[in-house]
Amino acid sequence: MVDLNLIRAFIAIYETESVSRAAAKLNLSQPSVSHALNRLRICSKIHYSPAPATA
């Protein structure tokens, strides 16, 4: 079952386009928001491959 706070974190990341800014918006630490995103990924069984870093 997906916790509503995981969805809130995802929406904040989407709206701010940044985990750090989402954390500030939600008054949480950045690691907490990253952890929430990872838990949401696991709950939804989504495989995420981050884009390669560009110089």
C-alpha atoms as a PDB file:
ATOM      1  CA  MET A   1       0.000   0.000   0.000  1.00  0.00           C
ATOM      2  CA  VAL A   2       1.312   3.433  -0.930  1.00  0.00           C
ATOM      3  CA  ASP A   3       1.531   6.063   1.810  1.00  0.00           C
ATOM      4  CA  LEU A   4      -0.020   9.408   0.871  1.00  0.00           C
ATOM      5  CA  ASN A   5       3.182  11.166   2.003  1.00  0.00           C
ATOM      6  CA  LEU A   6       5.090   9.331  -0.740  1.00  0.00           C
ATOM      7  CA  ILE A   7       2.691  10.790  -3.313  1.00  0.00           C
ATOM      8  CA  ARG A   8       3.081  14.256  -1.786  1.00  0.00           C
ATOM      9  CA  ALA A   9       6.849  13.970  -2.043  1.00  0.00           C
ATOM     10  CA  PHE A  10       6.598  12.865  -5.676  1.00  0.00           C
ATOM     11  CA  ILE A  11       4.297  15.760  -6.546  1.00  0.00           C
ATOM     12  CA  ALA A  12       6.608  18.246  -4.818  1.00  0.00           C
ATOM     13  CA  ILE A  13       9.596  16.875  -6.752  1.00  0.00           C
ATOM     14  CA  TYR A  14       7.634  17.138  -9.992  1.00  0.00           C
ATOM     15  CA  GLU A  15       6.492  20.699  -9.270  1.00  0.00           C
ATOM     16  CA  THR A  16       9.880  21.999  -8.144  1.00  0.00           C
ATOM     17  CA  GLU A  17      11.979  19.861 -10.515  1.00  0.00           C
ATOM     18  CA  SER A  18      14.404  19.254  -7.645  1.00  0.00           C
ATOM     19  CA  VAL A  19      14.609  16.935  -4.667  1.00  0.00           C
ATOM     20  CA  SER A  20      16.297  19.665  -2.606  1.00  0.00           C
ATOM     21  CA  ARG A  21      13.638  22.263  -3.418  1.00  0.00           C
ATOM     22  CA  ALA A  22      10.891  19.696  -2.804  1.00  0.00           C
ATOM     23  CA  ALA A  23      12.392  18.976   0.608  1.00  0.00           C
ATOM     24  CA  ALA A  24      12.389  22.676   1.456  1.00  0.00           C
ATOM     25  CA  LYS A  25       8.786  23.006   0.259  1.00  0.00           C
ATOM     26  CA  LEU A  26       7.716  20.051   2.424  1.00  0.00           C
ATOM     27  CA  ASN A  27       9.862  21.133   5.408  1.00  0.00           C
ATOM     28  CA  LEU A  28      11.726  17.818   5.279  1.00  0.00           C
ATOM     29  CA  SER A  29      15.365  16.887   4.851  1.00  0.00           C
ATOM     30  CA  GLN A  30      16.620  16.063   1.359  1.00  0.00           C
ATOM     31  CA  PRO A  31      17.497  12.462   2.332  1.00  0.00           C
ATOM     32  CA  SER A  32      13.937  11.977   3.626  1.00  0.00           C
ATOM     33  CA  VAL A  33      12.470  13.055   0.304  1.00  0.00           C
ATOM     34  CA  SER A  34      14.937  10.891  -1.635  1.00  0.00           C
ATOM     35  CA  HIS A  35      14.002   7.947   0.578  1.00  0.00           C
ATOM     36  CA  ALA A  36      10.296   8.613  -0.010  1.00  0.00           C
ATOM     37  CA  LEU A  37      10.878   8.646  -3.765  1.00  0.00           C
ATOM     38  CA  ASN A  38      12.733   5.351  -3.543  1.00  0.00           C
ATOM     39  CA  ARG A  39       9.960   3.795  -1.418  1.00  0.00           C
ATOM     40  CA  LEU A  40       7.380   4.964  -3.968  1.00  0.00           C
ATOM     41  CA  ARG A  41       9.442   3.422  -6.749  1.00  0.00           C
ATOM     42  CA  ILE A  42       9.616   0.121  -4.877  1.00  0.00           C
ATOM     43  CA  CYS A  43       5.898   0.147  -4.032  1.00  0.00           C
ATOM     44  CA  SER A  44       4.963   0.832  -7.640  1.00  0.00           C
ATOM     45  CA  LYS A  45       7.589  -1.574  -9.027  1.00  0.00           C
ATOM     46  CA  ILE A  46       8.949   1.103 -11.364  1.00  0.00           C
ATOM     47  CA  HIS A  47      12.512   0.611 -12.592  1.00  0.00           C
ATOM     48  CA  TYR A  48      14.307   3.941 -12.645  1.00  0.00           C
ATOM     49  CA  SER A  49      17.511   4.622 -14.524  1.00  0.00           C
ATOM     50  CA  PRO A  50      18.763   8.148 -13.957  1.00  0.00           C
ATOM     51  CA  ALA A  51      19.866  10.086 -17.017  1.00  0.00           C
ATOM     52  CA  PRO A  52      23.630  10.081 -17.533  1.00  0.00           C
ATOM     53  CA  ALA A  53      25.383  13.152 -16.159  1.00  0.00           C
ATOM     54  CA  THR A  54      26.217  15.768 -18.744  1.00  0.00           C
ATOM     55  CA  ALA A  55      29.275  17.985 -18.589  1.00  0.00           C
END
